[in-house]
Structure formats: C-alpha cells, structure tokens
Amino acid sequence: EPAPELSVILPAFNERANIPMMVERLSRALDGIDWEVIVVDDNSP
C-alpha cells in the first residue's frame, strides 16, 4: 500500500485524555483524504 497523502503530527506530553477524541475528530474532518496521525510522546507518565 502506498503511503497516505497526509501525516498529522501530534506532539504530546500527558495528553492521554485527549488522544481518543483527537483521532475521532480527525476521522470526521479528513473524510475522503488518505491520512495517518503520528503521536510523538515525550515519555508521558
């Protein structure tokens, strides 16, 4: 499979409560676009 058209980078630290909602919001906003999300986490406790 080819790479997606868009990678969305989410730098994160202690964002556990927000990640599921962000994935859901991106799914709605990017309907029709081949995308992925890369969460870059600084070893959040």
PDB file of all heavy atoms in Angstrom:
ATOM      1  N   GLU A   1       0.855  -1.177   0.000  1.00  0.00           N
ATOM      2  CA  GLU A   1       0.000   0.000   0.000  1.00  0.00           C
ATOM      3  C   GLU A   1       0.892   1.228   0.000  1.00  0.00           C
ATOM      4  O   GLU A   1       1.893   1.270   0.706  1.00  0.00           O
ATOM      5  CB  GLU A   1      -0.892   0.033   1.245  1.00  0.00           C
ATOM      6  CG  GLU A   1      -1.976  -1.017   1.262  1.00  0.00           C
ATOM      7  CD  GLU A   1      -2.910  -0.832   2.446  1.00  0.00           C
ATOM      8  OE1 GLU A   1      -3.262   0.332   2.733  1.00  0.00           O
ATOM      9  OE2 GLU A   1      -3.264  -1.821   3.082  1.00  0.00           O
ATOM     10  N   PRO A   2       0.542   2.211  -0.791  1.00  0.00           N
ATOM     11  CA  PRO A   2       1.341   3.446  -0.784  1.00  0.00           C
ATOM     12  C   PRO A   2       1.160   4.187   0.529  1.00  0.00           C
ATOM     13  O   PRO A   2       0.221   3.938   1.289  1.00  0.00           O
ATOM     14  CB  PRO A   2       0.770   4.246  -1.956  1.00  0.00           C
ATOM     15  CG  PRO A   2      -0.648   3.754  -2.081  1.00  0.00           C
ATOM     16  CD  PRO A   2      -0.600   2.288  -1.718  1.00  0.00           C
ATOM     17  N   ALA A   3       2.070   5.100   0.787  1.00  0.00           N
ATOM     18  CA  ALA A   3       1.959   5.935   1.983  1.00  0.00           C
ATOM     19  C   ALA A   3       0.707   6.801   1.887  1.00  0.00           C
ATOM     20  O   ALA A   3       0.248   7.112   0.787  1.00  0.00           O
ATOM     21  CB  ALA A   3       3.193   6.821   2.118  1.00  0.00           C
ATOM     22  N   PRO A   4       0.149   7.189   3.018  1.00  0.00           N
ATOM     23  CA  PRO A   4      -1.011   8.094   2.978  1.00  0.00           C
ATOM     24  C   PRO A   4      -0.624   9.443   2.392  1.00  0.00           C
ATOM     25  O   PRO A   4       0.553   9.794   2.317  1.00  0.00           O
ATOM     26  CB  PRO A   4      -1.409   8.217   4.453  1.00  0.00           C
ATOM     27  CG  PRO A   4      -0.165   7.902   5.211  1.00  0.00           C
ATOM     28  CD  PRO A   4       0.552   6.871   4.391  1.00  0.00           C
ATOM     29  N   GLU A   5      -1.614  10.208   2.000  1.00  0.00           N
ATOM     30  CA  GLU A   5      -1.348  11.525   1.434  1.00  0.00           C
ATOM     31  C   GLU A   5      -0.912  12.513   2.504  1.00  0.00           C
ATOM     32  O   GLU A   5      -0.105  13.413   2.246  1.00  0.00           O
ATOM     33  CB  GLU A   5      -2.590  12.068   0.716  1.00  0.00           C
ATOM     34  CG  GLU A   5      -2.362  13.406   0.039  1.00  0.00           C
ATOM     35  CD  GLU A   5      -3.586  13.930  -0.687  1.00  0.00           C
ATOM     36  OE1 GLU A   5      -4.713  13.481  -0.354  1.00  0.00           O
ATOM     37  OE2 GLU A   5      -3.427  14.767  -1.588  1.00  0.00           O
ATOM     38  N   LEU A   6      -1.429  12.341   3.717  1.00  0.00           N
ATOM     39  CA  LEU A   6      -1.195  13.307   4.789  1.00  0.00           C
ATOM     40  C   LEU A   6      -0.829  12.605   6.094  1.00  0.00           C
ATOM     41  O   LEU A   6      -1.483  11.646   6.499  1.00  0.00           O
ATOM     42  CB  LEU A   6      -2.452  14.149   5.020  1.00  0.00           C
ATOM     43  CG  LEU A   6      -2.458  15.071   6.248  1.00  0.00           C
ATOM     44  CD1 LEU A   6      -1.416  16.178   6.087  1.00  0.00           C
ATOM     45  CD2 LEU A   6      -3.845  15.653   6.480  1.00  0.00           C
ATOM     46  N   SER A   7       0.225  13.107   6.740  1.00  0.00           N
ATOM     47  CA  SER A   7       0.559  12.702   8.110  1.00  0.00           C
ATOM     48  C   SER A   7       0.313  13.885   9.036  1.00  0.00           C
ATOM     49  O   SER A   7       0.829  14.982   8.788  1.00  0.00           O
ATOM     50  CB  SER A   7       2.028  12.271   8.229  1.00  0.00           C
ATOM     51  OG  SER A   7       2.277  11.090   7.513  1.00  0.00           O
ATOM     52  N   VAL A   8      -0.483  13.677  10.073  1.00  0.00           N
ATOM     53  CA  VAL A   8      -0.748  14.714  11.065  1.00  0.00           C
ATOM     54  C   VAL A   8       0.106  14.409  12.296  1.00  0.00           C
ATOM     55  O   VAL A   8      -0.023  13.341  12.899  1.00  0.00           O
ATOM     56  CB  VAL A   8      -2.236  14.759  11.466  1.00  0.00           C
ATOM     57  CG1 VAL A   8      -2.472  15.848  12.508  1.00  0.00           C
ATOM     58  CG2 VAL A   8      -3.107  14.994  10.239  1.00  0.00           C
ATOM     59  N   ILE A   9       0.986  15.333  12.640  1.00  0.00           N
ATOM     60  CA  ILE A   9       1.903  15.142  13.764  1.00  0.00           C
ATOM     61  C   ILE A   9       1.306  15.787  15.010  1.00  0.00           C
ATOM     62  O   ILE A   9       1.010  16.991  15.003  1.00  0.00           O
ATOM     63  CB  ILE A   9       3.288  15.762  13.465  1.00  0.00           C
ATOM     64  CG1 ILE A   9       3.767  15.366  12.068  1.00  0.00           C
ATOM     65  CG2 ILE A   9       4.285  15.364  14.545  1.00  0.00           C
ATOM     66  CD1 ILE A   9       3.871  13.886  11.820  1.00  0.00           C
ATOM     67  N   LEU A  10       1.144  14.991  16.059  1.00  0.00           N
ATOM     68  CA  LEU A  10       0.642  15.496  17.336  1.00  0.00           C
ATOM     69  C   LEU A  10       1.722  15.341  18.401  1.00  0.00           C
ATOM     70  O   LEU A  10       1.888  14.252  18.958  1.00  0.00           O
ATOM     71  CB  LEU A  10      -0.615  14.736  17.773  1.00  0.00           C
ATOM     72  CG  LEU A  10      -1.848  14.773  16.880  1.00  0.00           C
ATOM     73  CD1 LEU A  10      -2.993  14.003  17.549  1.00  0.00           C
ATOM     74  CD2 LEU A  10      -2.262  16.201  16.581  1.00  0.00           C
ATOM     75  N   PRO A  11       2.509  16.373  18.680  1.00  0.00           N
ATOM     76  CA  PRO A  11       3.457  16.295  19.802  1.00  0.00           C
ATOM     77  C   PRO A  11       2.657  16.239  21.100  1.00  0.00           C
ATOM     78  O   PRO A  11       1.680  16.984  21.275  1.00  0.00           O
ATOM     79  CB  PRO A  11       4.266  17.588  19.681  1.00  0.00           C
ATOM     80  CG  PRO A  11       3.368  18.523  18.933  1.00  0.00           C
ATOM     81  CD  PRO A  11       2.536  17.685  18.018  1.00  0.00           C
ATOM     82  N   ALA A  12       3.062  15.352  22.014  1.00  0.00           N
ATOM     83  CA  ALA A  12       2.227  15.134  23.204  1.00  0.00           C
ATOM     84  C   ALA A  12       3.060  14.941  24.461  1.00  0.00           C
ATOM     85  O   ALA A  12       4.151  14.367  24.425  1.00  0.00           O
ATOM     86  CB  ALA A  12       1.337  13.904  22.991  1.00  0.00           C
ATOM     87  N   PHE A  13       2.514  15.420  25.557  1.00  0.00           N
ATOM     88  CA  PHE A  13       3.028  15.115  26.897  1.00  0.00           C
ATOM     89  C   PHE A  13       1.842  15.169  27.857  1.00  0.00           C
ATOM     90  O   PHE A  13       1.206  16.207  28.000  1.00  0.00           O
ATOM     91  CB  PHE A  13       4.119  16.098  27.322  1.00  0.00           C
ATOM     92  CG  PHE A  13       4.725  15.752  28.662  1.00  0.00           C
ATOM     93  CD1 PHE A  13       5.581  14.667  28.796  1.00  0.00           C
ATOM     94  CD2 PHE A  13       4.422  16.489  29.799  1.00  0.00           C
ATOM     95  CE1 PHE A  13       6.130  14.328  30.020  1.00  0.00           C
ATOM     96  CE2 PHE A  13       4.965  16.166  31.024  1.00  0.00           C
ATOM     97  CZ  PHE A  13       5.823  15.076  31.139  1.00  0.00           C
ATOM     98  N   ASN A  14       1.530  14.032  28.448  1.00  0.00           N
ATOM     99  CA  ASN A  14       0.360  13.902  29.332  1.00  0.00           C
ATOM    100  C   ASN A  14      -0.928  14.309  28.624  1.00  0.00           C
ATOM    101  O   ASN A  14      -1.709  15.117  29.112  1.00  0.00           O
ATOM    102  CB  ASN A  14       0.553  14.743  30.601  1.00  0.00           C
ATOM    103  CG  ASN A  14       1.537  14.122  31.580  1.00  0.00           C
ATOM    104  OD1 ASN A  14       1.861  12.934  31.478  1.00  0.00           O
ATOM    105  ND2 ASN A  14       2.029  14.909  32.505  1.00  0.00           N
ATOM    106  N   GLU A  15      -1.156  13.713  27.456  1.00  0.00           N
ATOM    107  CA  GLU A  15      -2.361  14.001  26.677  1.00  0.00           C
ATOM    108  C   GLU A  15      -3.236  12.761  26.526  1.00  0.00           C
ATOM    109  O   GLU A  15      -4.015  12.642  25.570  1.00  0.00           O
ATOM    110  CB  GLU A  15      -1.975  14.540  25.288  1.00  0.00           C
ATOM    111  CG  GLU A  15      -1.183  15.824  25.289  1.00  0.00           C
ATOM    112  CD  GLU A  15      -2.014  17.053  25.678  1.00  0.00           C
ATOM    113  OE1 GLU A  15      -3.211  16.887  25.960  1.00  0.00           O
ATOM    114  OE2 GLU A  15      -1.444  18.164  25.695  1.00  0.00           O
ATOM    115  N   ARG A  16      -3.151  11.825  27.450  1.00  0.00           N
ATOM    116  CA  ARG A  16      -3.914  10.569  27.359  1.00  0.00           C
ATOM    117  C   ARG A  16      -5.409  10.820  27.162  1.00  0.00           C
ATOM    118  O   ARG A  16      -6.068  10.152  26.360  1.00  0.00           O
ATOM    119  CB  ARG A  16      -3.676   9.741  28.630  1.00  0.00           C
ATOM    120  CG  ARG A  16      -4.461   8.430  28.666  1.00  0.00           C
ATOM    121  CD  ARG A  16      -4.285   7.719  30.007  1.00  0.00           C
ATOM    122  NE  ARG A  16      -5.155   6.559  30.076  1.00  0.00           N
ATOM    123  CZ  ARG A  16      -4.806   5.341  29.695  1.00  0.00           C
ATOM    124  NH1 ARG A  16      -3.580   5.127  29.230  1.00  0.00           N
ATOM    125  NH2 ARG A  16      -5.656   4.331  29.777  1.00  0.00           N
ATOM    126  N   ALA A  17      -5.962  11.780  27.889  1.00  0.00           N
ATOM    127  CA  ALA A  17      -7.403  12.027  27.819  1.00  0.00           C
ATOM    128  C   ALA A  17      -7.818  12.629  26.477  1.00  0.00           C
ATOM    129  O   ALA A  17      -8.988  12.510  26.082  1.00  0.00           O
ATOM    130  CB  ALA A  17      -7.834  12.949  28.964  1.00  0.00           C
ATOM    131  N   ASN A  18      -6.878  13.255  25.767  1.00  0.00           N
ATOM    132  CA  ASN A  18      -7.223  13.950  24.530  1.00  0.00           C
ATOM    133  C   ASN A  18      -7.043  13.107  23.272  1.00  0.00           C
ATOM    134  O   ASN A  18      -7.694  13.369  22.259  1.00  0.00           O
ATOM    135  CB  ASN A  18      -6.382  15.221  24.401  1.00  0.00           C
ATOM    136  CG  ASN A  18      -6.759  16.280  25.416  1.00  0.00           C
ATOM    137  OD1 ASN A  18      -7.916  16.404  25.782  1.00  0.00           O
ATOM    138  ND2 ASN A  18      -5.771  17.036  25.882  1.00  0.00           N
ATOM    139  N   ILE A  19      -6.157  12.119  23.304  1.00  0.00           N
ATOM    140  CA  ILE A  19      -5.816  11.377  22.087  1.00  0.00           C
ATOM    141  C   ILE A  19      -7.023  10.697  21.450  1.00  0.00           C
ATOM    142  O   ILE A  19      -7.240  10.825  20.227  1.00  0.00           O
ATOM    143  CB  ILE A  19      -4.692  10.357  22.364  1.00  0.00           C
ATOM    144  CG1 ILE A  19      -3.400  11.080  22.786  1.00  0.00           C
ATOM    145  CG2 ILE A  19      -4.445   9.483  21.136  1.00  0.00           C
ATOM    146  CD1 ILE A  19      -2.882  12.070  21.759  1.00  0.00           C
ATOM    147  N   PRO A  20      -7.862   9.951  22.190  1.00  0.00           N
ATOM    148  CA  PRO A  20      -9.007   9.301  21.532  1.00  0.00           C
ATOM    149  C   PRO A  20      -9.934  10.293  20.834  1.00  0.00           C
ATOM    150  O   PRO A  20     -10.405  10.045  19.717  1.00  0.00           O
ATOM    151  CB  PRO A  20      -9.725   8.598  22.692  1.00  0.00           C
ATOM    152  CG  PRO A  20      -8.681   8.406  23.737  1.00  0.00           C
ATOM    153  CD  PRO A  20      -7.801   9.608  23.619  1.00  0.00           C
ATOM    154  N   MET A  21     -10.187  11.433  21.477  1.00  0.00           N
ATOM    155  CA  MET A  21     -11.064  12.435  20.869  1.00  0.00           C
ATOM    156  C   MET A  21     -10.418  13.072  19.652  1.00  0.00           C
ATOM    157  O   MET A  21     -11.099  13.387  18.666  1.00  0.00           O
ATOM    158  CB  MET A  21     -11.426  13.500  21.909  1.00  0.00           C
ATOM    159  CG  MET A  21     -12.494  13.027  22.887  1.00  0.00           C
ATOM    160  SD  MET A  21     -12.877  14.249  24.155  1.00  0.00           S
ATOM    161  CE  MET A  21     -11.469  14.078  25.227  1.00  0.00           C
ATOM    162  N   MET A  22      -9.084  13.267  19.693  1.00  0.00           N
ATOM    163  CA  MET A  22      -8.406  13.837  18.536  1.00  0.00           C
ATOM    164  C   MET A  22      -8.479  12.884  17.345  1.00  0.00           C
ATOM    165  O   MET A  22      -8.686  13.326  16.198  1.00  0.00           O
ATOM    166  CB  MET A  22      -6.952  14.154  18.877  1.00  0.00           C
ATOM    167  CG  MET A  22      -6.764  15.373  19.757  1.00  0.00           C
ATOM    168  SD  MET A  22      -7.447  16.891  19.021  1.00  0.00           S
ATOM    169  CE  MET A  22      -6.529  16.989  17.493  1.00  0.00           C
ATOM    170  N   VAL A  23      -8.315  11.584  17.567  1.00  0.00           N
ATOM    171  CA  VAL A  23      -8.420  10.609  16.475  1.00  0.00           C
ATOM    172  C   VAL A  23      -9.816  10.635  15.880  1.00  0.00           C
ATOM    173  O   VAL A  23      -9.999  10.619  14.648  1.00  0.00           O
ATOM    174  CB  VAL A  23      -8.072   9.189  16.983  1.00  0.00           C
ATOM    175  CG1 VAL A  23      -8.361   8.145  15.904  1.00  0.00           C
ATOM    176  CG2 VAL A  23      -6.604   9.118  17.401  1.00  0.00           C
ATOM    177  N   GLU A  24     -10.821  10.712  16.735  1.00  0.00           N
ATOM    178  CA  GLU A  24     -12.205  10.769  16.257  1.00  0.00           C
ATOM    179  C   GLU A  24     -12.458  12.043  15.454  1.00  0.00           C
ATOM    180  O   GLU A  24     -13.096  12.003  14.384  1.00  0.00           O
ATOM    181  CB  GLU A  24     -13.156  10.701  17.451  1.00  0.00           C
ATOM    182  CG  GLU A  24     -14.631  10.701  17.061  1.00  0.00           C
ATOM    183  CD  GLU A  24     -15.546  10.632  18.272  1.00  0.00           C
ATOM    184  OE1 GLU A  24     -15.060  10.263  19.368  1.00  0.00           O
ATOM    185  OE2 GLU A  24     -16.735  10.950  18.118  1.00  0.00           O
ATOM    186  N   ARG A  25     -11.966  13.164  15.939  1.00  0.00           N
ATOM    187  CA  ARG A  25     -12.166  14.435  15.237  1.00  0.00           C
ATOM    188  C   ARG A  25     -11.441  14.452  13.891  1.00  0.00           C
ATOM    189  O   ARG A  25     -11.957  14.983  12.897  1.00  0.00           O
ATOM    190  CB  ARG A  25     -11.714  15.592  16.124  1.00  0.00           C
ATOM    191  CG  ARG A  25     -12.664  15.837  17.282  1.00  0.00           C
ATOM    192  CD  ARG A  25     -12.120  16.765  18.343  1.00  0.00           C
ATOM    193  NE  ARG A  25     -11.824  18.110  17.860  1.00  0.00           N
ATOM    194  CZ  ARG A  25     -11.681  19.164  18.648  1.00  0.00           C
ATOM    195  NH1 ARG A  25     -11.811  19.040  19.970  1.00  0.00           N
ATOM    196  NH2 ARG A  25     -11.408  20.353  18.145  1.00  0.00           N
ATOM    197  N   LEU A  26     -10.241  13.882  13.845  1.00  0.00           N
ATOM    198  CA  LEU A  26      -9.509  13.806  12.579  1.00  0.00           C
ATOM    199  C   LEU A  26     -10.242  12.909  11.585  1.00  0.00           C
ATOM    200  O   LEU A  26     -10.271  13.198  10.380  1.00  0.00           O
ATOM    201  CB  LEU A  26      -8.090  13.281  12.831  1.00  0.00           C
ATOM    202  CG  LEU A  26      -7.138  14.240  13.542  1.00  0.00           C
ATOM    203  CD1 LEU A  26      -5.831  13.529  13.901  1.00  0.00           C
ATOM    204  CD2 LEU A  26      -6.838  15.471  12.684  1.00  0.00           C
ATOM    205  N   SER A  27     -10.827  11.825  12.072  1.00  0.00           N
ATOM    206  CA  SER A  27     -11.570  10.917  11.194  1.00  0.00           C
ATOM    207  C   SER A  27     -12.718  11.641  10.513  1.00  0.00           C
ATOM    208  O   SER A  27     -12.978  11.437   9.311  1.00  0.00           O
ATOM    209  CB  SER A  27     -12.111   9.725  11.997  1.00  0.00           C
ATOM    210  OG  SER A  27     -11.068   8.945  12.524  1.00  0.00           O
ATOM    211  N   ARG A  28     -13.417  12.485  11.243  1.00  0.00           N
ATOM    212  CA  ARG A  28     -14.531  13.229  10.659  1.00  0.00           C
ATOM    213  C   ARG A  28     -14.033  14.320   9.710  1.00  0.00           C
ATOM    214  O   ARG A  28     -14.576  14.510   8.621  1.00  0.00           O
ATOM    215  CB  ARG A  28     -15.381  13.851  11.770  1.00  0.00           C
ATOM    216  CG  ARG A  28     -16.133  12.855  12.624  1.00  0.00           C
ATOM    217  CD  ARG A  28     -17.238  13.547  13.410  1.00  0.00           C
ATOM    218  NE  ARG A  28     -16.691  14.588  14.282  1.00  0.00           N
ATOM    219  CZ  ARG A  28     -16.384  14.408  15.561  1.00  0.00           C
ATOM    220  NH1 ARG A  28     -16.554  13.220  16.122  1.00  0.00           N
ATOM    221  NH2 ARG A  28     -15.901  15.409  16.289  1.00  0.00           N
ATOM    222  N   ALA A  29     -12.980  15.033  10.129  1.00  0.00           N
ATOM    223  CA  ALA A  29     -12.508  16.182   9.349  1.00  0.00           C
ATOM    224  C   ALA A  29     -11.823  15.772   8.055  1.00  0.00           C
ATOM    225  O   ALA A  29     -11.829  16.530   7.076  1.00  0.00           O
ATOM    226  CB  ALA A  29     -11.555  17.025  10.194  1.00  0.00           C
ATOM    227  N   LEU A  30     -11.215  14.580   8.023  1.00  0.00           N
ATOM    228  CA  LEU A  30     -10.412  14.164   6.870  1.00  0.00           C
ATOM    229  C   LEU A  30     -11.082  13.080   6.048  1.00  0.00           C
ATOM    230  O   LEU A  30     -10.414  12.321   5.349  1.00  0.00           O
ATOM    231  CB  LEU A  30      -9.028  13.688   7.354  1.00  0.00           C
ATOM    232  CG  LEU A  30      -8.166  14.783   8.000  1.00  0.00           C
ATOM    233  CD1 LEU A  30      -6.913  14.190   8.618  1.00  0.00           C
ATOM    234  CD2 LEU A  30      -7.805  15.858   6.987  1.00  0.00           C
ATOM    235  N   ASP A  31     -12.393  13.015   6.115  1.00  0.00           N
ATOM    236  CA  ASP A  31     -13.143  12.064   5.306  1.00  0.00           C
ATOM    237  C   ASP A  31     -12.862  12.327   3.824  1.00  0.00           C
ATOM    238  O   ASP A  31     -12.989  13.453   3.344  1.00  0.00           O
ATOM    239  CB  ASP A  31     -14.644  12.213   5.593  1.00  0.00           C
ATOM    240  CG  ASP A  31     -15.469  11.161   4.877  1.00  0.00           C
ATOM    241  OD1 ASP A  31     -14.999  10.022   4.758  1.00  0.00           O
ATOM    242  OD2 ASP A  31     -16.578  11.502   4.414  1.00  0.00           O
ATOM    243  N   GLY A  32     -12.442  11.285   3.116  1.00  0.00           N
ATOM    244  CA  GLY A  32     -12.107  11.429   1.706  1.00  0.00           C
ATOM    245  C   GLY A  32     -10.639  11.679   1.444  1.00  0.00           C
ATOM    246  O   GLY A  32     -10.217  11.733   0.286  1.00  0.00           O
ATOM    247  N   ILE A  33      -9.837  11.873   2.501  1.00  0.00           N
ATOM    248  CA  ILE A  33      -8.388  12.066   2.383  1.00  0.00           C
ATOM    249  C   ILE A  33      -7.684  10.881   3.028  1.00  0.00           C
ATOM    250  O   ILE A  33      -8.055  10.446   4.129  1.00  0.00           O
ATOM    251  CB  ILE A  33      -7.954  13.378   3.063  1.00  0.00           C
ATOM    252  CG1 ILE A  33      -8.586  14.586   2.365  1.00  0.00           C
ATOM    253  CG2 ILE A  33      -6.427  13.508   3.076  1.00  0.00           C
ATOM    254  CD1 ILE A  33      -8.290  15.912   3.042  1.00  0.00           C
ATOM    255  N   ASP A  34      -6.684  10.326   2.357  1.00  0.00           N
ATOM    256  CA  ASP A  34      -5.896   9.225   2.922  1.00  0.00           C
ATOM    257  C   ASP A  34      -4.907   9.822   3.922  1.00  0.00           C
ATOM    258  O   ASP A  34      -3.994  10.553   3.546  1.00  0.00           O
ATOM    259  CB  ASP A  34      -5.158   8.495   1.794  1.00  0.00           C
ATOM    260  CG  ASP A  34      -4.522   7.198   2.278  1.00  0.00           C
ATOM    261  OD1 ASP A  34      -4.781   6.791   3.434  1.00  0.00           O
ATOM    262  OD2 ASP A  34      -3.762   6.596   1.494  1.00  0.00           O
ATOM    263  N   TRP A  35      -5.065   9.503   5.197  1.00  0.00           N
ATOM    264  CA  TRP A  35      -4.296  10.179   6.246  1.00  0.00           C
ATOM    265  C   TRP A  35      -3.825   9.195   7.312  1.00  0.00           C
ATOM    266  O   TRP A  35      -4.286   8.060   7.406  1.00  0.00           O
ATOM    267  CB  TRP A  35      -5.138  11.273   6.907  1.00  0.00           C
ATOM    268  CG  TRP A  35      -6.350  10.737   7.631  1.00  0.00           C
ATOM    269  CD1 TRP A  35      -7.535  10.389   7.080  1.00  0.00           C
ATOM    270  CD2 TRP A  35      -6.448  10.449   9.037  1.00  0.00           C
ATOM    271  NE1 TRP A  35      -8.390   9.912   8.035  1.00  0.00           N
ATOM    272  CE2 TRP A  35      -7.757   9.945   9.248  1.00  0.00           C
ATOM    273  CE3 TRP A  35      -5.583  10.571  10.110  1.00  0.00           C
ATOM    274  CZ2 TRP A  35      -8.210   9.557  10.509  1.00  0.00           C
ATOM    275  CZ3 TRP A  35      -6.033  10.195  11.374  1.00  0.00           C
ATOM    276  CH2 TRP A  35      -7.323   9.699  11.568  1.00  0.00           C
ATOM    277  N   GLU A  36      -2.907   9.677   8.126  1.00  0.00           N
ATOM    278  CA  GLU A  36      -2.474   8.983   9.335  1.00  0.00           C
ATOM    279  C   GLU A  36      -2.155  10.033  10.383  1.00  0.00           C
ATOM    280  O   GLU A  36      -1.945  11.214  10.056  1.00  0.00           O
ATOM    281  CB  GLU A  36      -1.228   8.121   9.080  1.00  0.00           C
ATOM    282  CG  GLU A  36       0.024   8.933   8.770  1.00  0.00           C
ATOM    283  CD  GLU A  36       1.289   8.098   8.666  1.00  0.00           C
ATOM    284  OE1 GLU A  36       1.238   6.890   8.967  1.00  0.00           O
ATOM    285  OE2 GLU A  36       2.334   8.666   8.291  1.00  0.00           O
ATOM    286  N   VAL A  37      -2.134   9.626  11.642  1.00  0.00           N
ATOM    287  CA  VAL A  37      -1.729  10.525  12.715  1.00  0.00           C
ATOM    288  C   VAL A  37      -0.543   9.888  13.437  1.00  0.00           C
ATOM    289  O   VAL A  37      -0.546   8.689  13.732  1.00  0.00           O
ATOM    290  CB  VAL A  37      -2.883  10.814  13.702  1.00  0.00           C
ATOM    291  CG1 VAL A  37      -3.435   9.543  14.322  1.00  0.00           C
ATOM    292  CG2 VAL A  37      -2.441  11.803  14.780  1.00  0.00           C
ATOM    293  N   ILE A  38       0.493  10.692  13.667  1.00  0.00           N
ATOM    294  CA  ILE A  38       1.683  10.230  14.384  1.00  0.00           C
ATOM    295  C   ILE A  38       1.758  11.005  15.694  1.00  0.00           C
ATOM    296  O   ILE A  38       2.005  12.215  15.696  1.00  0.00           O
ATOM    297  CB  ILE A  38       2.967  10.453  13.560  1.00  0.00           C
ATOM    298  CG1 ILE A  38       2.869   9.754  12.204  1.00  0.00           C
ATOM    299  CG2 ILE A  38       4.193   9.970  14.328  1.00  0.00           C
ATOM    300  CD1 ILE A  38       4.063  10.018  11.288  1.00  0.00           C
ATOM    301  N   VAL A  39       1.513  10.317  16.797  1.00  0.00           N
ATOM    302  CA  VAL A  39       1.607  10.933  18.118  1.00  0.00           C
ATOM    303  C   VAL A  39       3.045  10.787  18.601  1.00  0.00           C
ATOM    304  O   VAL A  39       3.554   9.666  18.725  1.00  0.00           O
ATOM    305  CB  VAL A  39       0.639  10.262  19.119  1.00  0.00           C
ATOM    306  CG1 VAL A  39       0.792  10.876  20.508  1.00  0.00           C
ATOM    307  CG2 VAL A  39      -0.805  10.415  18.629  1.00  0.00           C
ATOM    308  N   VAL A  40       3.710  11.898  18.830  1.00  0.00           N
ATOM    309  CA  VAL A  40       5.093  11.880  19.307  1.00  0.00           C
ATOM    310  C   VAL A  40       5.061  12.216  20.795  1.00  0.00           C
ATOM    311  O   VAL A  40       4.870  13.373  21.185  1.00  0.00           O
ATOM    312  CB  VAL A  40       5.979  12.877  18.536  1.00  0.00           C
ATOM    313  CG1 VAL A  40       7.448  12.710  18.946  1.00  0.00           C
ATOM    314  CG2 VAL A  40       5.821  12.683  17.037  1.00  0.00           C
ATOM    315  N   ASP A  41       5.218  11.198  21.614  1.00  0.00           N
ATOM    316  CA  ASP A  41       5.032  11.345  23.067  1.00  0.00           C
ATOM    317  C   ASP A  41       6.375  11.388  23.783  1.00  0.00           C
ATOM    318  O   ASP A  41       7.210  10.506  23.612  1.00  0.00           O
ATOM    319  CB  ASP A  41       4.196  10.176  23.593  1.00  0.00           C
ATOM    320  CG  ASP A  41       4.026  10.245  25.099  1.00  0.00           C
ATOM    321  OD1 ASP A  41       3.603  11.301  25.603  1.00  0.00           O
ATOM    322  OD2 ASP A  41       4.346   9.247  25.779  1.00  0.00           O
ATOM    323  N   ASP A  42       6.563  12.407  24.612  1.00  0.00           N
ATOM    324  CA  ASP A  42       7.810  12.553  25.374  1.00  0.00           C
ATOM    325  C   ASP A  42       7.756  11.761  26.673  1.00  0.00           C
ATOM    326  O   ASP A  42       7.926  12.295  27.771  1.00  0.00           O
ATOM    327  CB  ASP A  42       8.087  14.038  25.654  1.00  0.00           C
ATOM    328  CG  ASP A  42       8.624  14.764  24.431  1.00  0.00           C
ATOM    329  OD1 ASP A  42       8.816  14.096  23.395  1.00  0.00           O
ATOM    330  OD2 ASP A  42       8.852  15.977  24.498  1.00  0.00           O
ATOM    331  N   ASN A  43       7.503  10.448  26.520  1.00  0.00           N
ATOM    332  CA  ASN A  43       7.529   9.511  27.655  1.00  0.00           C
ATOM    333  C   ASN A  43       6.601   9.983  28.787  1.00  0.00           C
ATOM    334  O   ASN A  43       6.986  10.023  29.959  1.00  0.00           O
ATOM    335  CB  ASN A  43       8.960   9.346  28.175  1.00  0.00           C
ATOM    336  CG  ASN A  43       9.144   8.066  28.975  1.00  0.00           C
ATOM    337  OD1 ASN A  43       8.441   7.081  28.751  1.00  0.00           O
ATOM    338  ND2 ASN A  43      10.078   8.078  29.909  1.00  0.00           N
ATOM    339  N   SER A  44       5.372  10.310  28.446  1.00  0.00           N
ATOM    340  CA  SER A  44       4.417  10.828  29.427  1.00  0.00           C
ATOM    341  C   SER A  44       4.147   9.811  30.541  1.00  0.00           C
ATOM    342  O   SER A  44       3.901   8.639  30.260  1.00  0.00           O
ATOM    343  CB  SER A  44       3.089  11.160  28.747  1.00  0.00           C
ATOM    344  OG  SER A  44       3.245  12.117  27.738  1.00  0.00           O
ATOM    345  N   PRO A  45       4.153  10.271  31.788  1.00  0.00           N
ATOM    346  CA  PRO A  45       3.844   9.358  32.900  1.00  0.00           C
ATOM    347  C   PRO A  45       2.380   8.942  32.959  1.00  0.00           C
ATOM    348  O   PRO A  45       2.040   7.997  33.679  1.00  0.00           O
ATOM    349  CB  PRO A  45       4.238  10.170  34.138  1.00  0.00           C
ATOM    350  CG  PRO A  45       4.190  11.598  33.709  1.00  0.00           C
ATOM    351  CD  PRO A  45       4.581  11.600  32.269  1.00  0.00           C
TER     352      PRO A  45
END
